[in-house]
């Protein structure tokens, strides 16, 4: 059933797997286009929108296409028929290896992408949480200001802290 895509471990052309990944990426990119169509953003280019306290990044349709393609590759690489294909390296030949594979599997590669995104997001959230706590503490010691509250509500965490400390 899967003979149409030859894998390096079966003596096939190693680029066939990369071609399959490209096709999956393109299919996911179509999903990104569909998301751009059904969202209220439409086909805008990536840009930042200024707010009273900073700016908000809008990924636009190009960001939707990129994220859709990457997400499709991660899903296919983790759960597709070639998730256990070795894409770099091969079986270990050293003593004590027990014949275990020492190569890089497709599922390991795309899993690393997923963990990288999640780990970076976690770290960013932890830093933002500390900044927002500091901003809340600084703002609590100042007289009430509806203007400052409005600006802080749309600011980045670092921007909110700067506003609270300068008031």
C-alpha atoms as a PDB file:
ATOM      1  CA  UNK A   1       0.000   0.000   0.000  1.00  0.00           C
ATOM      2  CA  UNK A   2       2.819   2.415   0.835  1.00  0.00           C
ATOM      3  CA  UNK A   3       5.120   1.379  -2.014  1.00  0.00           C
ATOM      4  CA  UNK A   4       4.475   4.691  -3.804  1.00  0.00           C
ATOM      5  CA  UNK A   5       6.771   6.385  -1.282  1.00  0.00           C
ATOM      6  CA  UNK A   6      10.104   4.656  -0.989  1.00  0.00           C
ATOM      7  CA  UNK A   7      12.043   5.093   2.180  1.00  0.00           C
ATOM      8  CA  UNK A   8      15.820   5.185   2.677  1.00  0.00           C
ATOM      9  CA  UNK A   9      15.707   2.134   4.957  1.00  0.00           C
ATOM     10  CA  UNK A  10      14.169   0.031   2.162  1.00  0.00           C
ATOM     11  CA  UNK A  11      16.741   1.004  -0.426  1.00  0.00           C
ATOM     12  CA  UNK A  12      14.536   3.581  -2.098  1.00  0.00           C
ATOM     13  CA  UNK A  13      15.251   7.157  -3.043  1.00  0.00           C
ATOM     14  CA  UNK A  14      15.670   9.138   0.212  1.00  0.00           C
ATOM     15  CA  UNK A  15      14.205  12.246  -1.400  1.00  0.00           C
ATOM     16  CA  UNK A  16      10.848  10.511  -1.812  1.00  0.00           C
ATOM     17  CA  UNK A  17      10.141  10.949   1.896  1.00  0.00           C
ATOM     18  CA  UNK A  18      10.990  14.652   1.656  1.00  0.00           C
ATOM     19  CA  UNK A  19       8.703  14.938  -1.362  1.00  0.00           C
ATOM     20  CA  UNK A  20       5.900  13.382   0.698  1.00  0.00           C
ATOM     21  CA  UNK A  21       6.585  15.877   3.492  1.00  0.00           C
ATOM     22  CA  UNK A  22       6.446  18.702   0.964  1.00  0.00           C
ATOM     23  CA  UNK A  23       3.079  17.475  -0.300  1.00  0.00           C
ATOM     24  CA  UNK A  24       1.787  17.251   3.288  1.00  0.00           C
ATOM     25  CA  UNK A  25       3.113  20.770   3.946  1.00  0.00           C
ATOM     26  CA  UNK A  26       1.292  22.075   0.871  1.00  0.00           C
ATOM     27  CA  UNK A  27      -1.927  20.361   1.950  1.00  0.00           C
ATOM     28  CA  UNK A  28      -1.639  21.939   5.393  1.00  0.00           C
ATOM     29  CA  UNK A  29      -0.971  25.268   3.730  1.00  0.00           C
ATOM     30  CA  UNK A  30      -4.306  24.945   1.938  1.00  0.00           C
ATOM     31  CA  UNK A  31      -5.828  24.584   5.407  1.00  0.00           C
ATOM     32  CA  UNK A  32      -4.109  27.852   6.338  1.00  0.00           C
ATOM     33  CA  UNK A  33      -5.675  29.519   3.297  1.00  0.00           C
ATOM     34  CA  UNK A  34      -9.093  28.185   4.325  1.00  0.00           C
ATOM     35  CA  UNK A  35      -8.559  29.580   7.828  1.00  0.00           C
ATOM     36  CA  UNK A  36      -7.702  32.974   6.329  1.00  0.00           C
ATOM     37  CA  UNK A  37     -10.890  32.824   4.262  1.00  0.00           C
ATOM     38  CA  UNK A  38     -13.201  32.005   7.163  1.00  0.00           C
ATOM     39  CA  UNK A  39     -11.605  34.392   9.672  1.00  0.00           C
ATOM     40  CA  UNK A  40     -12.456  38.055   9.783  1.00  0.00           C
ATOM     41  CA  UNK A  41      -8.866  38.947   8.915  1.00  0.00           C
ATOM     42  CA  UNK A  42      -9.053  37.904   5.260  1.00  0.00           C
ATOM     43  CA  UNK A  43      -5.917  38.100   3.146  1.00  0.00           C
ATOM     44  CA  UNK A  44      -3.902  40.718   4.988  1.00  0.00           C
ATOM     45  CA  UNK A  45      -0.125  40.686   4.955  1.00  0.00           C
ATOM     46  CA  UNK A  46       1.664  40.110   8.268  1.00  0.00           C
ATOM     47  CA  UNK A  47       1.874  43.325  10.258  1.00  0.00           C
ATOM     48  CA  UNK A  48       1.756  44.796  13.700  1.00  0.00           C
ATOM     49  CA  UNK A  49      -1.226  46.755  14.894  1.00  0.00           C
ATOM     50  CA  UNK A  50      -0.368  49.624  17.215  1.00  0.00           C
ATOM     51  CA  UNK A  51      -2.313  49.788  20.447  1.00  0.00           C
ATOM     52  CA  UNK A  52      -2.253  52.340  23.210  1.00  0.00           C
ATOM     53  CA  UNK A  53       0.326  50.316  25.096  1.00  0.00           C
ATOM     54  CA  UNK A  54       2.379  48.597  22.396  1.00  0.00           C
ATOM     55  CA  UNK A  55       1.492  46.525  19.382  1.00  0.00           C
ATOM     56  CA  UNK A  56      -0.113  43.223  18.439  1.00  0.00           C
ATOM     57  CA  UNK A  57       1.388  40.974  15.770  1.00  0.00           C
ATOM     58  CA  UNK A  58      -1.142  39.860  13.158  1.00  0.00           C
ATOM     59  CA  UNK A  59       0.306  36.921  11.201  1.00  0.00           C
ATOM     60  CA  UNK A  60      -1.912  37.493   8.171  1.00  0.00           C
ATOM     61  CA  UNK A  61      -2.575  34.889   5.528  1.00  0.00           C
ATOM     62  CA  UNK A  62       1.154  34.111   5.109  1.00  0.00           C
ATOM     63  CA  UNK A  63       1.398  33.214   8.803  1.00  0.00           C
ATOM     64  CA  UNK A  64      -1.720  31.047   8.467  1.00  0.00           C
ATOM     65  CA  UNK A  65      -0.173  29.240   5.501  1.00  0.00           C
ATOM     66  CA  UNK A  66       3.129  28.644   7.321  1.00  0.00           C
ATOM     67  CA  UNK A  67       1.524  27.422  10.551  1.00  0.00           C
ATOM     68  CA  UNK A  68      -0.949  25.228   8.642  1.00  0.00           C
ATOM     69  CA  UNK A  69       1.895  23.584   6.722  1.00  0.00           C
ATOM     70  CA  UNK A  70       4.044  23.015   9.797  1.00  0.00           C
ATOM     71  CA  UNK A  71       1.126  21.621  11.803  1.00  0.00           C
ATOM     72  CA  UNK A  72       0.256  19.186   9.005  1.00  0.00           C
ATOM     73  CA  UNK A  73       3.881  17.973   8.800  1.00  0.00           C
ATOM     74  CA  UNK A  74       4.054  17.477  12.569  1.00  0.00           C
ATOM     75  CA  UNK A  75       0.807  15.507  12.591  1.00  0.00           C
ATOM     76  CA  UNK A  76       1.785  13.344   9.613  1.00  0.00           C
ATOM     77  CA  UNK A  77       5.295  12.811  10.961  1.00  0.00           C
ATOM     78  CA  UNK A  78       4.011  11.673  14.339  1.00  0.00           C
ATOM     79  CA  UNK A  79       1.067   9.550  13.235  1.00  0.00           C
ATOM     80  CA  UNK A  80       1.590   8.819   9.539  1.00  0.00           C
ATOM     81  CA  UNK A  81       2.750   5.546   8.014  1.00  0.00           C
ATOM     82  CA  UNK A  82       6.412   6.577   7.988  1.00  0.00           C
ATOM     83  CA  UNK A  83       6.739   7.844  11.554  1.00  0.00           C
ATOM     84  CA  UNK A  84       9.211   5.010  12.283  1.00  0.00           C
ATOM     85  CA  UNK A  85      11.369   5.620   9.197  1.00  0.00           C
ATOM     86  CA  UNK A  86      15.010   6.434   9.886  1.00  0.00           C
ATOM     87  CA  UNK A  87      15.810   9.648   7.996  1.00  0.00           C
ATOM     88  CA  UNK A  88      19.399  10.146   9.180  1.00  0.00           C
ATOM     89  CA  UNK A  89      21.860   7.503  10.378  1.00  0.00           C
ATOM     90  CA  UNK A  90      21.173   3.826  10.772  1.00  0.00           C
ATOM     91  CA  UNK A  91      21.340   0.905  13.141  1.00  0.00           C
ATOM     92  CA  UNK A  92      23.960   1.059  15.861  1.00  0.00           C
ATOM     93  CA  UNK A  93      26.894  -1.264  15.398  1.00  0.00           C
ATOM     94  CA  UNK A  94      28.742  -0.703  18.677  1.00  0.00           C
ATOM     95  CA  UNK A  95      29.069  -3.258  21.433  1.00  0.00           C
ATOM     96  CA  UNK A  96      26.200  -3.239  23.870  1.00  0.00           C
ATOM     97  CA  UNK A  97      23.843  -1.505  21.474  1.00  0.00           C
ATOM     98  CA  UNK A  98      21.706  -4.594  21.095  1.00  0.00           C
ATOM     99  CA  UNK A  99      21.021  -3.621  17.510  1.00  0.00           C
ATOM    100  CA  UNK A 100      19.022  -0.586  18.607  1.00  0.00           C
ATOM    101  CA  UNK A 101      18.550   2.103  16.012  1.00  0.00           C
ATOM    102  CA  UNK A 102      20.957   5.007  16.357  1.00  0.00           C
ATOM    103  CA  UNK A 103      19.406   7.059  13.583  1.00  0.00           C
ATOM    104  CA  UNK A 104      16.926   9.901  13.609  1.00  0.00           C
ATOM    105  CA  UNK A 105      13.337   8.819  13.036  1.00  0.00           C
ATOM    106  CA  UNK A 106      10.842  11.047  11.250  1.00  0.00           C
ATOM    107  CA  UNK A 107       8.606  10.989  14.329  1.00  0.00           C
ATOM    108  CA  UNK A 108      11.526  12.155  16.474  1.00  0.00           C
ATOM    109  CA  UNK A 109      12.276  15.044  14.133  1.00  0.00           C
ATOM    110  CA  UNK A 110       8.717  16.382  13.974  1.00  0.00           C
ATOM    111  CA  UNK A 111       8.214  15.659  17.668  1.00  0.00           C
ATOM    112  CA  UNK A 112      11.211  17.914  18.340  1.00  0.00           C
ATOM    113  CA  UNK A 113       9.518  20.687  16.363  1.00  0.00           C
ATOM    114  CA  UNK A 114       6.366  20.271  18.451  1.00  0.00           C
ATOM    115  CA  UNK A 115       8.290  20.214  21.740  1.00  0.00           C
ATOM    116  CA  UNK A 116      10.313  23.242  20.628  1.00  0.00           C
ATOM    117  CA  UNK A 117       7.182  25.265  19.954  1.00  0.00           C
ATOM    118  CA  UNK A 118       5.542  24.162  23.196  1.00  0.00           C
ATOM    119  CA  UNK A 119       8.674  24.695  25.288  1.00  0.00           C
ATOM    120  CA  UNK A 120       9.302  28.151  23.879  1.00  0.00           C
ATOM    121  CA  UNK A 121       5.663  29.071  24.482  1.00  0.00           C
ATOM    122  CA  UNK A 122       5.867  27.818  28.069  1.00  0.00           C
ATOM    123  CA  UNK A 123       9.012  29.856  28.736  1.00  0.00           C
ATOM    124  CA  UNK A 124       7.463  32.981  27.217  1.00  0.00           C
ATOM    125  CA  UNK A 125       4.338  32.532  29.347  1.00  0.00           C
ATOM    126  CA  UNK A 126       6.401  32.183  32.536  1.00  0.00           C
ATOM    127  CA  UNK A 127       8.319  35.392  31.804  1.00  0.00           C
ATOM    128  CA  UNK A 128       5.096  37.218  30.880  1.00  0.00           C
ATOM    129  CA  UNK A 129       3.490  36.040  34.134  1.00  0.00           C
ATOM    130  CA  UNK A 130       6.345  37.519  36.173  1.00  0.00           C
ATOM    131  CA  UNK A 131       6.165  40.791  34.240  1.00  0.00           C
ATOM    132  CA  UNK A 132       2.404  41.029  34.776  1.00  0.00           C
ATOM    133  CA  UNK A 133       2.741  40.324  38.512  1.00  0.00           C
ATOM    134  CA  UNK A 134       5.316  43.094  38.779  1.00  0.00           C
ATOM    135  CA  UNK A 135       3.067  45.433  36.774  1.00  0.00           C
ATOM    136  CA  UNK A 136       0.101  44.634  39.016  1.00  0.00           C
ATOM    137  CA  UNK A 137       2.173  45.308  42.118  1.00  0.00           C
ATOM    138  CA  UNK A 138       3.456  48.616  40.752  1.00  0.00           C
ATOM    139  CA  UNK A 139      -0.006  49.706  39.598  1.00  0.00           C
ATOM    140  CA  UNK A 140      -1.594  48.815  42.949  1.00  0.00           C
ATOM    141  CA  UNK A 141       0.504  51.454  44.654  1.00  0.00           C
ATOM    142  CA  UNK A 142      -0.625  54.277  42.370  1.00  0.00           C
ATOM    143  CA  UNK A 143      -3.805  56.367  42.371  1.00  0.00           C
ATOM    144  CA  UNK A 144      -6.615  54.936  40.215  1.00  0.00           C
ATOM    145  CA  UNK A 145      -6.495  55.975  36.558  1.00  0.00           C
ATOM    146  CA  UNK A 146      -9.007  54.719  34.006  1.00  0.00           C
ATOM    147  CA  UNK A 147      -6.718  55.926  31.188  1.00  0.00           C
ATOM    148  CA  UNK A 148      -3.759  53.948  32.528  1.00  0.00           C
ATOM    149  CA  UNK A 149      -5.946  50.879  33.073  1.00  0.00           C
ATOM    150  CA  UNK A 150      -7.185  51.044  29.474  1.00  0.00           C
ATOM    151  CA  UNK A 151      -3.666  51.372  28.078  1.00  0.00           C
ATOM    152  CA  UNK A 152      -2.306  48.578  30.266  1.00  0.00           C
ATOM    153  CA  UNK A 153      -5.096  46.209  29.247  1.00  0.00           C
ATOM    154  CA  UNK A 154      -3.883  46.190  25.639  1.00  0.00           C
ATOM    155  CA  UNK A 155      -0.158  46.455  26.317  1.00  0.00           C
ATOM    156  CA  UNK A 156       2.411  43.680  26.204  1.00  0.00           C
ATOM    157  CA  UNK A 157       3.462  42.421  29.634  1.00  0.00           C
ATOM    158  CA  UNK A 158       6.734  44.390  29.428  1.00  0.00           C
ATOM    159  CA  UNK A 159       4.856  47.473  28.234  1.00  0.00           C
ATOM    160  CA  UNK A 160       2.369  47.171  31.108  1.00  0.00           C
ATOM    161  CA  UNK A 161       5.230  47.046  33.597  1.00  0.00           C
ATOM    162  CA  UNK A 162       6.872  50.125  32.049  1.00  0.00           C
ATOM    163  CA  UNK A 163       3.568  52.034  32.233  1.00  0.00           C
ATOM    164  CA  UNK A 164       2.939  51.011  35.827  1.00  0.00           C
ATOM    165  CA  UNK A 165       6.429  52.015  36.920  1.00  0.00           C
ATOM    166  CA  UNK A 166       6.373  55.417  35.224  1.00  0.00           C
ATOM    167  CA  UNK A 167       3.036  56.466  36.731  1.00  0.00           C
END
